[in-house]
Amino acid sequence: MTRPNYVKQGEFKPMDLLTVAAAREVKDGDIVFAGTGLPMLAIMLAQHNASPNAVCIYEAGSVDGRPISLPTSVGDARCSYQAAISSGLSDVFNQLQRGVVDLAFLGGAEVDRYGNVNTTGMGTYGMVPEKRLTGSGGNSDINGLARKTVFIMPQEKRRFKERIDYITSPGWRIPKWPSGEMVPKKEVYNRAFRGGPSAVISNMGVFRFDENGEIYLDTYHPGTTPEAVKEHCSLDLNLSRVSGETELPTYEELELLYNVIDPEGIFLQ
């Protein structure tokens, strides 16, 4: 077996590592639901590399397109190149309803210890929020109906919290109405339960969830430490299961990203 030809420290940018780490979450044959931006880079890198049989569903309506180069958004006509289906939102969200989506890539503003994610607003919901965010934009549906979800978000103390201000996308434990008691998501969803968040990838590390649905640090990115990652969380982050540094990109992966997938520098300027 050929040994991977990893790049050296200083030869890659944070965006490169985020993209590569996200692409490695894709298994060959997965059906992946992707939105605009880094998720598009990740799925295309996976298809060009270790997961050629992965199928991408772009949120705007194309299924299994094979763009020659990176589309500017999920609504770009390039998403439909060689696609099995080129339709609209109703069709692709129907695939989610049918339960065929293995993996979804999403973003978020806040995440708590159980993987609940907020993209709605800061402050007390039902009153005038301190800050209004973008809203769900499909986050809740996609996260609730895919078998697993990978969230990609910046690492800040105010974002990784013990309890978030509003749950847009449910994690592994959610408040049961009307008591507010945190109970397993499966208990609330019953037959509608599909799965939950499998990873959170930040600019400092890769987080996963244990058998109780609680977040822990799996790997920390080169140039930082587990303790530094914990300092950028306002929850008591579990460091006992750290497996080491995040695997570096390879020269082959960067070659694909910059010269094959995004030669125009749409997202990798």
Protein backbone atom coordinates (compact mmCIF):
# COMPACT_ATOMS: atom_id res chain seq x y z
CA MET A 1 0.00 0.00 0.00
CA THR A 2 1.33 3.46 -0.94
CA ARG A 3 2.00 5.70 2.06
CA PRO A 4 0.00 8.98 1.93
CA ASN A 5 2.14 11.95 0.92
CA TYR A 6 1.13 14.42 3.63
CA VAL A 7 1.86 18.14 3.35
CA LYS A 8 4.01 19.87 5.95
CA GLN A 9 2.91 22.44 8.51
CA GLY A 10 2.65 25.84 6.81
CA GLU A 11 1.91 24.36 3.37
CA PHE A 12 -1.87 24.49 3.75
CA LYS A 13 -4.56 26.94 4.87
CA PRO A 14 -7.24 26.38 7.54
CA MET A 15 -9.89 26.15 4.79
CA ASP A 16 -7.94 23.31 3.16
CA LEU A 17 -7.89 21.30 6.39
CA LEU A 18 -11.60 21.91 7.03
CA THR A 19 -12.48 20.74 3.53
CA VAL A 20 -10.29 17.65 3.70
CA ALA A 21 -11.59 16.70 7.16
CA ALA A 22 -15.18 17.05 5.91
CA ALA A 23 -14.48 15.01 2.76
CA ARG A 24 -13.12 12.18 4.90
CA GLU A 25 -16.54 11.88 6.58
CA VAL A 26 -17.99 10.68 3.25
CA LYS A 27 -18.05 6.90 2.76
CA ASP A 28 -17.98 5.39 -0.72
CA GLY A 29 -21.59 4.88 -1.81
CA ASP A 30 -23.04 7.46 0.61
CA ILE A 31 -25.94 9.62 -0.54
CA VAL A 32 -24.92 13.10 0.60
CA PHE A 33 -27.09 16.22 0.92
CA ALA A 34 -24.96 19.34 0.41
CA GLY A 35 -25.46 23.10 0.50
CA THR A 36 -23.42 25.97 -0.93
CA GLY A 37 -19.81 26.54 0.05
CA LEU A 38 -17.49 24.20 1.90
CA PRO A 39 -19.90 21.21 1.68
CA MET A 40 -19.67 21.41 -2.12
CA LEU A 41 -15.87 21.36 -1.95
CA ALA A 42 -15.98 18.42 0.45
CA ILE A 43 -18.31 16.19 -1.57
CA MET A 44 -16.49 16.90 -4.83
CA LEU A 45 -13.13 16.12 -3.19
CA ALA A 46 -14.55 12.87 -1.82
CA GLN A 47 -15.88 11.89 -5.26
CA HIS A 48 -12.53 12.65 -6.92
CA ASN A 49 -10.61 10.76 -4.25
CA ALA A 50 -11.66 7.98 -1.86
CA SER A 51 -15.43 7.89 -2.49
CA PRO A 52 -16.05 7.90 -6.27
CA ASN A 53 -19.44 6.21 -5.84
CA ALA A 54 -20.83 8.80 -3.42
CA VAL A 55 -23.98 10.48 -4.73
CA CYS A 56 -24.51 14.19 -4.12
CA ILE A 57 -27.93 15.80 -3.78
CA TYR A 58 -27.61 19.56 -4.15
CA GLU A 59 -30.19 21.45 -2.13
CA ALA A 60 -31.62 23.41 -5.07
CA GLY A 61 -32.75 20.33 -6.98
CA SER A 62 -30.12 18.19 -8.74
CA VAL A 63 -29.33 14.58 -7.91
CA ASP A 64 -26.01 12.86 -8.74
CA GLY A 65 -24.61 15.68 -10.84
CA ARG A 66 -20.94 15.50 -11.73
CA PRO A 67 -19.82 19.11 -12.30
CA ILE A 68 -16.61 19.55 -14.24
CA SER A 69 -15.60 22.37 -11.88
CA LEU A 70 -17.02 23.83 -8.69
CA PRO A 71 -20.46 25.49 -9.01
CA THR A 72 -20.82 28.92 -7.41
CA SER A 73 -23.89 27.76 -5.48
CA VAL A 74 -26.37 24.87 -5.32
CA GLY A 75 -28.46 26.79 -7.87
CA ASP A 76 -25.66 26.98 -10.44
CA ALA A 77 -26.50 25.16 -13.69
CA ARG A 78 -23.19 23.28 -13.36
CA CYS A 79 -24.76 21.22 -10.56
CA SER A 80 -26.95 19.53 -13.18
CA TYR A 81 -24.12 18.37 -15.44
CA GLN A 82 -24.62 14.60 -16.01
CA ALA A 83 -27.21 14.58 -13.19
CA ALA A 84 -29.67 11.72 -12.86
CA ILE A 85 -32.38 14.24 -11.91
CA SER A 86 -32.53 18.02 -12.33
CA SER A 87 -35.69 19.25 -10.70
CA GLY A 88 -36.37 21.42 -7.66
CA LEU A 89 -36.55 21.67 -3.89
CA SER A 90 -39.66 19.51 -3.58
CA ASP A 91 -37.99 16.54 -5.25
CA VAL A 92 -34.76 16.63 -3.29
CA PHE A 93 -36.48 17.16 0.05
CA ASN A 94 -38.68 14.21 -0.88
CA GLN A 95 -35.51 12.11 -0.95
CA LEU A 96 -34.92 13.17 2.66
CA GLN A 97 -38.51 12.27 3.58
CA ARG A 98 -38.01 8.83 2.03
CA GLY A 99 -35.02 8.23 4.30
CA VAL A 100 -32.41 7.64 1.59
CA VAL A 101 -29.94 10.37 2.64
CA ASP A 102 -26.94 8.95 4.53
CA LEU A 103 -25.08 12.16 5.32
CA ALA A 104 -25.86 15.88 5.39
CA PHE A 105 -23.42 18.78 5.72
CA LEU A 106 -24.75 21.81 7.62
CA GLY A 107 -23.51 24.96 9.34
CA GLY A 108 -24.50 26.47 12.66
CA ALA A 109 -24.10 29.47 14.97
CA GLU A 110 -24.26 27.62 18.32
CA VAL A 111 -23.96 23.99 19.39
CA ASP A 112 -24.49 22.41 22.83
CA ARG A 113 -23.11 19.28 24.50
CA TYR A 114 -25.80 17.08 22.89
CA GLY A 115 -25.36 18.40 19.35
CA ASN A 116 -28.39 20.68 19.34
CA VAL A 117 -27.68 23.51 16.90
CA ASN A 118 -29.01 27.07 16.72
CA THR A 119 -29.27 29.07 13.50
CA THR A 120 -32.36 31.06 14.55
CA GLY A 121 -31.51 33.75 17.09
CA MET A 122 -29.66 34.78 20.26
CA GLY A 123 -31.54 35.66 23.44
CA THR A 124 -34.93 34.61 24.76
CA TYR A 125 -37.06 33.23 21.95
CA GLY A 126 -40.63 34.56 21.87
CA MET A 127 -39.40 38.02 22.86
CA VAL A 128 -37.35 40.47 20.81
CA PRO A 129 -34.10 38.50 20.22
CA GLU A 130 -30.74 40.06 20.96
CA LYS A 131 -29.62 38.98 17.51
CA ARG A 132 -31.64 37.48 14.69
CA LEU A 133 -29.76 34.84 12.70
CA THR A 134 -30.43 33.41 9.25
CA GLY A 135 -33.12 30.97 10.43
CA SER A 136 -33.43 27.31 9.61
CA GLY A 137 -33.19 27.51 5.83
CA GLY A 138 -33.84 23.78 5.75
CA ASN A 139 -31.43 22.98 8.61
CA SER A 140 -34.09 21.42 10.82
CA ASP A 141 -35.56 19.26 8.04
CA ILE A 142 -32.19 18.13 6.70
CA ASN A 143 -30.74 17.34 10.13
CA GLY A 144 -33.90 15.58 11.28
CA LEU A 145 -34.28 13.38 8.20
CA ALA A 146 -30.70 12.42 7.30
CA ARG A 147 -29.15 9.38 8.98
CA LYS A 148 -26.19 11.45 10.17
CA THR A 149 -25.18 15.10 10.04
CA VAL A 150 -21.79 16.79 10.02
CA PHE A 151 -21.82 20.41 11.19
CA ILE A 152 -19.07 22.78 10.08
CA MET A 153 -18.69 25.94 12.15
CA PRO A 154 -16.11 28.39 13.59
CA GLN A 155 -14.63 27.63 17.01
CA GLU A 156 -15.53 30.30 19.58
CA LYS A 157 -16.34 30.17 23.29
CA ARG A 158 -19.74 31.79 22.67
CA ARG A 159 -20.64 29.15 20.05
CA PHE A 160 -19.84 25.91 21.94
CA LYS A 161 -22.21 26.14 24.91
CA GLU A 162 -23.70 24.05 27.69
CA ARG A 163 -27.17 25.11 26.55
CA ILE A 164 -27.99 27.06 23.42
CA ASP A 165 -30.55 29.86 23.20
CA TYR A 166 -32.77 28.14 20.65
CA ILE A 167 -32.85 24.66 19.11
CA THR A 168 -33.17 24.89 15.34
CA SER A 169 -31.74 21.43 14.63
CA PRO A 170 -32.21 18.75 17.34
CA GLY A 171 -29.22 16.76 18.57
CA TRP A 172 -29.06 13.51 20.54
CA ARG A 173 -30.95 14.82 23.60
CA ILE A 174 -33.70 17.42 23.42
CA PRO A 175 -36.11 19.11 25.87
CA LYS A 176 -39.39 17.24 26.25
CA TRP A 177 -42.41 19.50 26.28
CA PRO A 178 -43.77 20.82 28.63
CA SER A 179 -41.33 19.83 31.40
CA GLY A 180 -38.13 20.83 29.58
CA GLU A 181 -36.41 17.64 30.76
CA MET A 182 -33.57 16.59 28.42
CA VAL A 183 -34.50 13.19 27.00
CA PRO A 184 -33.09 11.06 24.14
CA LYS A 185 -34.20 12.31 20.74
CA LYS A 186 -35.31 8.78 19.82
CA GLU A 187 -37.82 8.84 22.69
CA VAL A 188 -39.48 11.94 21.25
CA TYR A 189 -39.22 11.08 17.54
CA ASN A 190 -40.32 7.42 17.89
CA ARG A 191 -40.73 5.90 14.40
CA ALA A 192 -39.58 9.13 12.75
CA PHE A 193 -36.12 8.78 14.34
CA ARG A 194 -33.32 8.41 11.75
CA GLY A 195 -30.13 9.38 13.56
CA GLY A 196 -28.34 12.55 14.59
CA PRO A 197 -25.13 14.57 14.42
CA SER A 198 -22.04 12.42 13.88
CA ALA A 199 -19.40 15.15 13.95
CA VAL A 200 -18.75 18.87 14.36
CA ILE A 201 -15.74 20.16 12.43
CA SER A 202 -14.31 23.50 13.49
CA ASN A 203 -11.18 25.44 12.63
CA MET A 204 -9.57 23.90 15.77
CA GLY A 205 -10.64 20.26 15.79
CA VAL A 206 -13.06 17.45 15.03
CA PHE A 207 -15.70 16.66 17.65
CA ARG A 208 -17.81 13.52 17.90
CA PHE A 209 -20.54 12.16 20.18
CA ASP A 210 -20.32 9.27 22.65
CA GLU A 211 -22.85 6.53 23.42
CA ASN A 212 -24.78 8.96 25.65
CA GLY A 213 -24.98 11.54 22.89
CA GLU A 214 -22.46 13.89 24.55
CA ILE A 215 -19.85 15.79 22.59
CA TYR A 216 -16.14 15.06 22.96
CA LEU A 217 -12.96 16.13 21.19
CA ASP A 218 -11.72 13.45 18.81
CA THR A 219 -8.81 15.19 17.06
CA TYR A 220 -7.22 18.62 17.37
CA HIS A 221 -5.83 20.42 14.34
CA PRO A 222 -2.06 20.84 13.92
CA GLY A 223 -0.84 24.01 15.60
CA THR A 224 -3.22 23.82 18.55
CA THR A 225 -3.68 21.63 21.63
CA PRO A 226 -6.64 19.88 23.30
CA GLU A 227 -6.41 22.36 26.18
CA ALA A 228 -6.57 25.32 23.78
CA VAL A 229 -9.64 23.81 22.11
CA LYS A 230 -11.30 23.42 25.51
CA GLU A 231 -10.54 27.07 26.33
CA HIS A 232 -12.58 28.02 23.26
CA CYS A 233 -15.67 26.25 24.63
CA SER A 234 -18.01 27.41 27.38
CA LEU A 235 -19.06 23.81 28.08
CA ASP A 236 -16.98 21.28 30.02
CA LEU A 237 -15.45 19.57 27.00
CA ASN A 238 -14.49 15.90 27.39
CA LEU A 239 -10.80 15.47 26.44
CA SER A 240 -10.45 11.87 27.65
CA ARG A 241 -11.12 10.39 24.21
CA VAL A 242 -8.74 12.52 22.14
CA SER A 243 -7.14 10.26 19.54
CA GLY A 244 -4.45 12.67 18.38
CA GLU A 245 -3.91 15.37 15.76
CA THR A 246 -6.24 15.71 12.80
CA GLU A 247 -4.72 13.97 9.79
CA LEU A 248 -3.00 16.48 7.52
CA PRO A 249 -4.07 16.97 3.89
CA THR A 250 -2.02 15.21 1.26
CA TYR A 251 -0.37 16.89 -1.72
CA GLU A 252 -2.74 14.92 -3.94
CA GLU A 253 -5.79 16.32 -2.12
CA LEU A 254 -4.55 19.90 -2.46
CA GLU A 255 -3.78 19.30 -6.13
CA LEU A 256 -7.38 18.16 -6.64
CA LEU A 257 -8.82 21.09 -4.68
CA TYR A 258 -6.87 23.87 -6.37
CA ASN A 259 -6.30 22.57 -9.89
CA VAL A 260 -9.30 20.31 -10.57
CA ILE A 261 -12.22 21.20 -8.30
CA ASP A 262 -11.86 24.95 -7.73
CA PRO A 263 -9.34 26.27 -10.27
CA GLU A 264 -11.30 29.56 -10.48
CA GLY A 265 -10.81 30.21 -6.76
CA ILE A 266 -14.53 30.54 -6.09
CA PHE A 267 -14.15 29.45 -2.46
CA LEU A 268 -10.40 28.77 -2.24
CA GLN A 269 -9.09 32.23 -3.02
